[in-house]
Amino acid sequence: MALLICAATGKELAALAPALLPGGEALEEMRLWPARLKGRETLFCVTGVGPLNAALALGRCFGQAEAQGQRIDAVLNTGLAGAFDLTALPLRALCLVREEIWPEYGLHDGQAVTARAFSFPLWRRGGHSGGADVYDRLPLAGTDALPGGSRSSDDMFLPCRSLTVAGVSASFVRARDLWNRYHAELENMEGFAVAYACARAGLPCVEIRSVSNKVGPRTKEEKDFPGALQALDAVLPSLNLL
């Protein structure tokens, strides 16, 4: 049984454990990097940026692990994200995502997308698993789903919802529209894809993000990418994985 830890870029993945994964920029995408964390078999993967890369990477990781005789039993997805309100989720804050939203799936009427107005869900799972069909939202697991985790570990992170986009919001109008429609506190580019791949595989997905910037146009004081990367080094110790 192995834990899979993934991030979009080598810099984000290496920031989790600088001594274990030095030279993050040199880490090849969509490849499994084995390690042992506190005696626990662990696999690391750089997915690549965006929902397409993330979905493809998870599928490849699951296949590679199976081919190597390893069984993944949980996934930790981590990295940076933008916050809609820096007062609620300040720069460098570590956030536990409890729901992922994909605001770009469904029926577009020329102004907005409505997922359930579309006749086709992403996944009709109700017939064989008893769960609801999946459209544009997925619940995520708490930290107790990770090896050595417990419900009390959730308190170490700020709880939030996040939405996943293929195009980062770069205007006030876009940021305001997403906030008004979904009230998600974070914006990222891989979370829903990773969560969806995990759901299809029957695996718990835990997502922890470090706030690197304000969503939309931002001033110099409303972004701190180096600080947000550095904050990621507290994730694994907080989860008793390092």
C-alpha atoms as a PDB file:
ATOM      1  CA  MET A   1       0.000   0.000   0.000  1.00  0.00           C
ATOM      2  CA  ALA A   2       1.400   3.385  -0.969  1.00  0.00           C
ATOM      3  CA  LEU A   3       0.499   7.033  -0.591  1.00  0.00           C
ATOM      4  CA  LEU A   4       0.688   9.130  -3.768  1.00  0.00           C
ATOM      5  CA  ILE A   5       1.687  12.776  -3.277  1.00  0.00           C
ATOM      6  CA  CYS A   6       1.348  15.029  -6.302  1.00  0.00           C
ATOM      7  CA  ALA A   7       1.757  18.660  -7.298  1.00  0.00           C
ATOM      8  CA  ALA A   8       1.559  20.522 -10.595  1.00  0.00           C
ATOM      9  CA  THR A   9       5.200  21.598 -10.782  1.00  0.00           C
ATOM     10  CA  GLY A  10       8.546  20.327  -9.595  1.00  0.00           C
ATOM     11  CA  LYS A  11       9.021  23.466  -7.517  1.00  0.00           C
ATOM     12  CA  GLU A  12       5.812  22.811  -5.587  1.00  0.00           C
ATOM     13  CA  LEU A  13       6.574  19.132  -5.069  1.00  0.00           C
ATOM     14  CA  ALA A  14      10.166  19.775  -3.953  1.00  0.00           C
ATOM     15  CA  ALA A  15       8.972  22.469  -1.532  1.00  0.00           C
ATOM     16  CA  LEU A  16       7.158  19.774   0.456  1.00  0.00           C
ATOM     17  CA  ALA A  17      10.424  18.053   1.365  1.00  0.00           C
ATOM     18  CA  PRO A  18      13.481  20.022   0.167  1.00  0.00           C
ATOM     19  CA  ALA A  19      15.937  17.542   1.663  1.00  0.00           C
ATOM     20  CA  LEU A  20      14.175  14.597   0.052  1.00  0.00           C
ATOM     21  CA  LEU A  21      13.419  16.073  -3.372  1.00  0.00           C
ATOM     22  CA  PRO A  22      16.126  18.579  -4.261  1.00  0.00           C
ATOM     23  CA  GLY A  23      16.240  20.183  -7.694  1.00  0.00           C
ATOM     24  CA  GLY A  24      12.490  20.265  -8.197  1.00  0.00           C
ATOM     25  CA  GLU A  25      12.692  21.860 -11.618  1.00  0.00           C
ATOM     26  CA  ALA A  26      14.508  18.778 -12.905  1.00  0.00           C
ATOM     27  CA  LEU A  27      11.764  16.363 -11.816  1.00  0.00           C
ATOM     28  CA  GLU A  28      10.208  14.746 -14.864  1.00  0.00           C
ATOM     29  CA  GLU A  29       6.439  15.127 -15.205  1.00  0.00           C
ATOM     30  CA  MET A  30       4.087  12.132 -14.955  1.00  0.00           C
ATOM     31  CA  ARG A  31       6.750   9.875 -13.493  1.00  0.00           C
ATOM     32  CA  LEU A  32       6.633   8.149 -10.122  1.00  0.00           C
ATOM     33  CA  TRP A  33       9.420   8.961  -7.672  1.00  0.00           C
ATOM     34  CA  PRO A  34       9.507   6.414  -4.806  1.00  0.00           C
ATOM     35  CA  ALA A  35      10.491   7.312  -1.246  1.00  0.00           C
ATOM     36  CA  ARG A  36       9.828   6.205   2.309  1.00  0.00           C
ATOM     37  CA  LEU A  37       8.279   8.604   4.783  1.00  0.00           C
ATOM     38  CA  LYS A  38       8.440   7.352   8.356  1.00  0.00           C
ATOM     39  CA  GLY A  39       8.731   3.803   7.035  1.00  0.00           C
ATOM     40  CA  ARG A  40       5.721   4.281   4.785  1.00  0.00           C
ATOM     41  CA  GLU A  41       5.970   3.558   1.056  1.00  0.00           C
ATOM     42  CA  THR A  42       5.321   6.849  -0.729  1.00  0.00           C
ATOM     43  CA  LEU A  43       5.194   7.839  -4.381  1.00  0.00           C
ATOM     44  CA  PHE A  44       5.720  11.399  -5.611  1.00  0.00           C
ATOM     45  CA  CYS A  45       4.560  12.766  -8.963  1.00  0.00           C
ATOM     46  CA  VAL A  46       4.727  16.066 -10.846  1.00  0.00           C
ATOM     47  CA  THR A  47       1.480  16.169 -12.810  1.00  0.00           C
ATOM     48  CA  GLY A  48       2.094  19.185 -15.038  1.00  0.00           C
ATOM     49  CA  VAL A  49      -0.029  22.343 -15.007  1.00  0.00           C
ATOM     50  CA  GLY A  50      -3.741  22.378 -15.757  1.00  0.00           C
ATOM     51  CA  PRO A  51      -6.670  19.951 -15.593  1.00  0.00           C
ATOM     52  CA  LEU A  52      -5.750  17.958 -18.716  1.00  0.00           C
ATOM     53  CA  ASN A  53      -2.219  17.247 -17.504  1.00  0.00           C
ATOM     54  CA  ALA A  54      -3.464  16.438 -14.004  1.00  0.00           C
ATOM     55  CA  ALA A  55      -6.063  13.935 -15.189  1.00  0.00           C
ATOM     56  CA  LEU A  56      -3.611  12.262 -17.565  1.00  0.00           C
ATOM     57  CA  ALA A  57      -0.904  12.142 -14.898  1.00  0.00           C
ATOM     58  CA  LEU A  58      -3.143  10.467 -12.328  1.00  0.00           C
ATOM     59  CA  GLY A  59      -4.205   7.826 -14.815  1.00  0.00           C
ATOM     60  CA  ARG A  60      -0.595   7.154 -15.737  1.00  0.00           C
ATOM     61  CA  CYS A  61       0.451   7.031 -12.080  1.00  0.00           C
ATOM     62  CA  PHE A  62      -2.242   4.513 -11.219  1.00  0.00           C
ATOM     63  CA  GLY A  63      -1.203   2.369 -14.182  1.00  0.00           C
ATOM     64  CA  GLN A  64       2.516   2.621 -13.414  1.00  0.00           C
ATOM     65  CA  ALA A  65       1.982   1.732  -9.774  1.00  0.00           C
ATOM     66  CA  GLU A  66      -0.090  -1.306 -10.685  1.00  0.00           C
ATOM     67  CA  ALA A  67       2.513  -2.447 -13.227  1.00  0.00           C
ATOM     68  CA  GLN A  68       5.177  -2.216 -10.506  1.00  0.00           C
ATOM     69  CA  GLY A  69       3.093  -4.292  -8.116  1.00  0.00           C
ATOM     70  CA  GLN A  70       2.230  -1.352  -5.865  1.00  0.00           C
ATOM     71  CA  ARG A  71      -1.221  -0.409  -4.687  1.00  0.00           C
ATOM     72  CA  ILE A  72      -2.061   3.258  -4.091  1.00  0.00           C
ATOM     73  CA  ASP A  73      -4.532   3.644  -1.240  1.00  0.00           C
ATOM     74  CA  ALA A  74      -4.729   7.461  -0.895  1.00  0.00           C
ATOM     75  CA  VAL A  75      -3.709  10.612  -2.759  1.00  0.00           C
ATOM     76  CA  LEU A  76      -2.453  13.918  -1.361  1.00  0.00           C
ATOM     77  CA  ASN A  77      -2.669  16.765  -3.862  1.00  0.00           C
ATOM     78  CA  THR A  78      -0.874  19.949  -2.924  1.00  0.00           C
ATOM     79  CA  GLY A  79       0.576  23.161  -4.327  1.00  0.00           C
ATOM     80  CA  LEU A  80      -0.245  26.844  -4.672  1.00  0.00           C
ATOM     81  CA  ALA A  81      -3.589  28.552  -5.245  1.00  0.00           C
ATOM     82  CA  GLY A  82      -5.115  31.992  -5.478  1.00  0.00           C
ATOM     83  CA  ALA A  83      -7.588  33.247  -2.884  1.00  0.00           C
ATOM     84  CA  PHE A  84     -10.616  35.379  -3.689  1.00  0.00           C
ATOM     85  CA  ASP A  85     -10.428  37.131  -0.308  1.00  0.00           C
ATOM     86  CA  LEU A  86      -7.016  37.565   1.305  1.00  0.00           C
ATOM     87  CA  THR A  87      -8.658  38.701   4.534  1.00  0.00           C
ATOM     88  CA  ALA A  88     -10.289  35.288   4.970  1.00  0.00           C
ATOM     89  CA  LEU A  89      -7.401  33.261   3.517  1.00  0.00           C
ATOM     90  CA  PRO A  90      -4.198  35.323   3.792  1.00  0.00           C
ATOM     91  CA  LEU A  91      -1.038  34.856   1.800  1.00  0.00           C
ATOM     92  CA  ARG A  92       0.975  31.769   2.804  1.00  0.00           C
ATOM     93  CA  ALA A  93      -2.013  30.238   4.631  1.00  0.00           C
ATOM     94  CA  LEU A  94      -2.328  26.452   4.331  1.00  0.00           C
ATOM     95  CA  CYS A  95      -5.849  25.452   3.351  1.00  0.00           C
ATOM     96  CA  LEU A  96      -7.650  22.112   3.403  1.00  0.00           C
ATOM     97  CA  VAL A  97     -10.016  21.860   0.438  1.00  0.00           C
ATOM     98  CA  ARG A  98     -13.280  20.133   1.326  1.00  0.00           C
ATOM     99  CA  GLU A  99     -14.973  20.478  -2.073  1.00  0.00           C
ATOM    100  CA  GLU A 100     -13.702  20.916  -5.629  1.00  0.00           C
ATOM    101  CA  ILE A 101     -15.796  22.681  -8.275  1.00  0.00           C
ATOM    102  CA  TRP A 102     -15.372  22.714 -12.054  1.00  0.00           C
ATOM    103  CA  PRO A 103     -17.147  25.862 -13.285  1.00  0.00           C
ATOM    104  CA  GLU A 104     -16.520  25.093 -16.958  1.00  0.00           C
ATOM    105  CA  TYR A 105     -18.656  21.953 -17.397  1.00  0.00           C
ATOM    106  CA  GLY A 106     -22.261  22.057 -18.488  1.00  0.00           C
ATOM    107  CA  LEU A 107     -24.559  24.130 -20.715  1.00  0.00           C
ATOM    108  CA  HIS A 108     -23.304  27.615 -21.639  1.00  0.00           C
ATOM    109  CA  ASP A 109     -26.126  30.053 -22.431  1.00  0.00           C
ATOM    110  CA  GLY A 110     -23.820  32.805 -23.607  1.00  0.00           C
ATOM    111  CA  GLN A 111     -23.358  34.277 -20.149  1.00  0.00           C
ATOM    112  CA  ALA A 112     -22.716  31.423 -17.751  1.00  0.00           C
ATOM    113  CA  VAL A 113     -22.331  27.658 -17.472  1.00  0.00           C
ATOM    114  CA  THR A 114     -24.956  25.584 -15.665  1.00  0.00           C
ATOM    115  CA  ALA A 115     -23.837  22.011 -15.074  1.00  0.00           C
ATOM    116  CA  ARG A 116     -27.176  20.389 -14.318  1.00  0.00           C
ATOM    117  CA  ALA A 117     -28.872  22.010 -17.309  1.00  0.00           C
ATOM    118  CA  PHE A 118     -26.727  19.673 -19.405  1.00  0.00           C
ATOM    119  CA  SER A 119     -28.120  16.196 -20.156  1.00  0.00           C
ATOM    120  CA  PHE A 120     -24.857  14.369 -19.559  1.00  0.00           C
ATOM    121  CA  PRO A 121     -23.134  14.146 -16.177  1.00  0.00           C
ATOM    122  CA  LEU A 122     -19.409  13.535 -16.125  1.00  0.00           C
ATOM    123  CA  TRP A 123     -20.017  10.193 -14.450  1.00  0.00           C
ATOM    124  CA  ARG A 124     -23.235   8.226 -13.953  1.00  0.00           C
ATOM    125  CA  ARG A 125     -22.159   6.345 -10.875  1.00  0.00           C
ATOM    126  CA  GLY A 126     -25.514   6.158  -9.116  1.00  0.00           C
ATOM    127  CA  GLY A 127     -26.566   2.925 -10.791  1.00  0.00           C
ATOM    128  CA  HIS A 128     -23.733   0.765  -9.504  1.00  0.00           C
ATOM    129  CA  SER A 129     -22.365   2.469  -6.416  1.00  0.00           C
ATOM    130  CA  GLY A 130     -25.375   4.127  -4.853  1.00  0.00           C
ATOM    131  CA  GLY A 131     -23.794   7.594  -5.129  1.00  0.00           C
ATOM    132  CA  ALA A 132     -25.081  10.641  -6.930  1.00  0.00           C
ATOM    133  CA  ASP A 133     -24.118  11.419 -10.515  1.00  0.00           C
ATOM    134  CA  VAL A 134     -21.062  13.675 -10.790  1.00  0.00           C
ATOM    135  CA  TYR A 135     -21.478  16.966 -12.618  1.00  0.00           C
ATOM    136  CA  ASP A 136     -19.331  19.888 -11.484  1.00  0.00           C
ATOM    137  CA  ARG A 137     -18.694  19.227  -7.781  1.00  0.00           C
ATOM    138  CA  LEU A 138     -16.801  16.635  -5.775  1.00  0.00           C
ATOM    139  CA  PRO A 139     -16.359  16.314  -2.001  1.00  0.00           C
ATOM    140  CA  LEU A 140     -12.823  15.661  -0.783  1.00  0.00           C
ATOM    141  CA  ALA A 141     -11.548  13.602   2.116  1.00  0.00           C
ATOM    142  CA  GLY A 142     -10.225  14.945   5.393  1.00  0.00           C
ATOM    143  CA  THR A 143      -6.704  14.353   6.659  1.00  0.00           C
ATOM    144  CA  ASP A 144      -7.844  11.267   8.569  1.00  0.00           C
ATOM    145  CA  ALA A 145      -7.868   9.473   5.195  1.00  0.00           C
ATOM    146  CA  LEU A 146      -4.050   9.679   5.112  1.00  0.00           C
ATOM    147  CA  PRO A 147      -1.739   7.221   6.883  1.00  0.00           C
ATOM    148  CA  GLY A 148      -1.256   8.370  10.455  1.00  0.00           C
ATOM    149  CA  GLY A 149      -3.837  11.105   9.993  1.00  0.00           C
ATOM    150  CA  SER A 150      -6.686  11.986  12.315  1.00  0.00           C
ATOM    151  CA  ARG A 151      -9.654  14.303  12.304  1.00  0.00           C
ATOM    152  CA  SER A 152      -7.803  16.638  14.644  1.00  0.00           C
ATOM    153  CA  SER A 153      -5.228  17.181  11.878  1.00  0.00           C
ATOM    154  CA  ASP A 154      -7.899  19.074   9.935  1.00  0.00           C
ATOM    155  CA  ASP A 155      -7.658  21.858  12.524  1.00  0.00           C
ATOM    156  CA  MET A 156      -4.113  22.642  11.400  1.00  0.00           C
ATOM    157  CA  PHE A 157      -5.424  23.968   8.086  1.00  0.00           C
ATOM    158  CA  LEU A 158      -8.060  26.508   7.060  1.00  0.00           C
ATOM    159  CA  PRO A 159     -11.086  24.715   5.560  1.00  0.00           C
ATOM    160  CA  CYS A 160     -12.323  25.962   2.197  1.00  0.00           C
ATOM    161  CA  ARG A 161     -13.860  25.185  -1.160  1.00  0.00           C
ATOM    162  CA  SER A 162     -11.866  25.515  -4.372  1.00  0.00           C
ATOM    163  CA  LEU A 163     -12.682  25.748  -8.051  1.00  0.00           C
ATOM    164  CA  THR A 164     -10.523  24.465 -10.890  1.00  0.00           C
ATOM    165  CA  VAL A 165      -9.992  26.416 -14.104  1.00  0.00           C
ATOM    166  CA  ALA A 166      -8.011  25.926 -17.301  1.00  0.00           C
ATOM    167  CA  GLY A 167      -7.581  29.693 -17.647  1.00  0.00           C
ATOM    168  CA  VAL A 168      -6.409  31.632 -14.595  1.00  0.00           C
ATOM    169  CA  SER A 169      -8.661  34.595 -13.785  1.00  0.00           C
ATOM    170  CA  ALA A 170      -6.868  37.805 -14.764  1.00  0.00           C
ATOM    171  CA  SER A 171      -9.712  40.334 -14.596  1.00  0.00           C
ATOM    172  CA  PHE A 172     -11.895  41.774 -11.847  1.00  0.00           C
ATOM    173  CA  VAL A 173     -15.025  40.868 -13.853  1.00  0.00           C
ATOM    174  CA  ARG A 174     -14.049  37.197 -14.150  1.00  0.00           C
ATOM    175  CA  ALA A 175     -13.017  36.911 -10.498  1.00  0.00           C
ATOM    176  CA  ARG A 176     -16.204  38.606  -9.307  1.00  0.00           C
ATOM    177  CA  ASP A 177     -18.396  36.411 -11.517  1.00  0.00           C
ATOM    178  CA  LEU A 178     -16.814  33.192 -10.239  1.00  0.00           C
ATOM    179  CA  TRP A 179     -17.155  34.326  -6.636  1.00  0.00           C
ATOM    180  CA  ASN A 180     -20.799  35.344  -7.060  1.00  0.00           C
ATOM    181  CA  ARG A 181     -21.734  32.064  -8.747  1.00  0.00           C
ATOM    182  CA  TYR A 182     -19.795  29.530  -6.696  1.00  0.00           C
ATOM    183  CA  HIS A 183     -18.558  31.161  -3.463  1.00  0.00           C
ATOM    184  CA  ALA A 184     -15.399  29.068  -3.566  1.00  0.00           C
ATOM    185  CA  GLU A 185     -12.554  30.581  -1.594  1.00  0.00           C
ATOM    186  CA  LEU A 186      -9.694  29.332  -3.803  1.00  0.00           C
ATOM    187  CA  GLU A 187      -8.887  29.061  -7.505  1.00  0.00           C
ATOM    188  CA  ASN A 188      -6.491  26.393  -8.806  1.00  0.00           C
ATOM    189  CA  MET A 189      -5.781  24.543 -12.058  1.00  0.00           C
ATOM    190  CA  GLU A 190      -5.612  20.832 -11.134  1.00  0.00           C
ATOM    191  CA  GLY A 191      -7.731  20.061  -8.069  1.00  0.00           C
ATOM    192  CA  PHE A 192     -10.969  18.870  -9.674  1.00  0.00           C
ATOM    193  CA  ALA A 193      -9.103  16.703 -12.184  1.00  0.00           C
ATOM    194  CA  VAL A 194      -7.113  14.966  -9.446  1.00  0.00           C
ATOM    195  CA  ALA A 195     -10.202  14.525  -7.281  1.00  0.00           C
ATOM    196  CA  TYR A 196     -12.166  13.128 -10.214  1.00  0.00           C
ATOM    197  CA  ALA A 197      -9.457  10.614 -11.100  1.00  0.00           C
ATOM    198  CA  CYS A 198      -9.410   9.503  -7.461  1.00  0.00           C
ATOM    199  CA  ALA A 199     -13.188   9.202  -7.343  1.00  0.00           C
ATOM    200  CA  ARG A 200     -13.202   7.026 -10.454  1.00  0.00           C
ATOM    201  CA  ALA A 201     -10.502   4.837  -8.890  1.00  0.00           C
ATOM    202  CA  GLY A 202     -12.303   4.628  -5.539  1.00  0.00           C
ATOM    203  CA  LEU A 203      -9.480   6.376  -3.675  1.00  0.00           C
ATOM    204  CA  PRO A 204      -9.669   9.133  -1.034  1.00  0.00           C
ATOM    205  CA  CYS A 205      -8.248  12.455  -2.198  1.00  0.00           C
ATOM    206  CA  VAL A 206      -6.901  15.046   0.229  1.00  0.00           C
ATOM    207  CA  GLU A 207      -6.018  18.488  -1.104  1.00  0.00           C
ATOM    208  CA  ILE A 208      -3.948  21.083   0.746  1.00  0.00           C
ATOM    209  CA  ARG A 209      -3.071  24.424  -0.876  1.00  0.00           C
ATOM    210  CA  SER A 210      -0.842  27.322   0.081  1.00  0.00           C
ATOM    211  CA  VAL A 211      -2.195  30.779  -0.815  1.00  0.00           C
ATOM    212  CA  SER A 212       0.163  32.507  -3.229  1.00  0.00           C
ATOM    213  CA  ASN A 213      -1.886  35.382  -4.604  1.00  0.00           C
ATOM    214  CA  LYS A 214      -5.224  37.137  -4.873  1.00  0.00           C
ATOM    215  CA  VAL A 215      -7.470  35.890  -7.675  1.00  0.00           C
ATOM    216  CA  GLY A 216      -7.674  38.382 -10.532  1.00  0.00           C
ATOM    217  CA  PRO A 217      -5.491  41.469 -10.952  1.00  0.00           C
ATOM    218  CA  ARG A 218      -3.306  41.976  -7.877  1.00  0.00           C
ATOM    219  CA  THR A 219      -0.854  44.460  -6.528  1.00  0.00           C
ATOM    220  CA  LYS A 220       2.667  43.602  -5.413  1.00  0.00           C
ATOM    221  CA  GLU A 221       1.376  43.270  -1.846  1.00  0.00           C
ATOM    222  CA  GLU A 222      -1.313  40.795  -2.944  1.00  0.00           C
ATOM    223  CA  LYS A 223       1.049  38.035  -4.071  1.00  0.00           C
ATOM    224  CA  ASP A 224       3.923  36.091  -2.540  1.00  0.00           C
ATOM    225  CA  PHE A 225       4.868  33.051  -4.594  1.00  0.00           C
ATOM    226  CA  PRO A 226       8.234  32.411  -2.878  1.00  0.00           C
ATOM    227  CA  GLY A 227       6.623  32.659   0.569  1.00  0.00           C
ATOM    228  CA  ALA A 228       3.762  30.364  -0.415  1.00  0.00           C
ATOM    229  CA  LEU A 229       6.226  27.779  -1.708  1.00  0.00           C
ATOM    230  CA  GLN A 230       8.196  27.949   1.520  1.00  0.00           C
ATOM    231  CA  ALA A 231       4.994  27.479   3.526  1.00  0.00           C
ATOM    232  CA  LEU A 232       4.471  24.102   1.839  1.00  0.00           C
ATOM    233  CA  ASP A 233       7.335  22.621   3.868  1.00  0.00           C
ATOM    234  CA  ALA A 234       5.002  22.534   6.883  1.00  0.00           C
ATOM    235  CA  VAL A 235       2.445  20.289   5.173  1.00  0.00           C
ATOM    236  CA  LEU A 236       4.060  16.869   5.623  1.00  0.00           C
ATOM    237  CA  PRO A 237       5.215  17.487   9.240  1.00  0.00           C
ATOM    238  CA  SER A 238       1.711  18.710  10.099  1.00  0.00           C
ATOM    239  CA  LEU A 239       0.298  15.463   8.724  1.00  0.00           C
ATOM    240  CA  ASN A 240       2.863  13.379  10.665  1.00  0.00           C
ATOM    241  CA  LEU A 241       4.331  12.177   7.370  1.00  0.00           C
ATOM    242  CA  LEU A 242       7.783  13.717   7.809  1.00  0.00           C
END
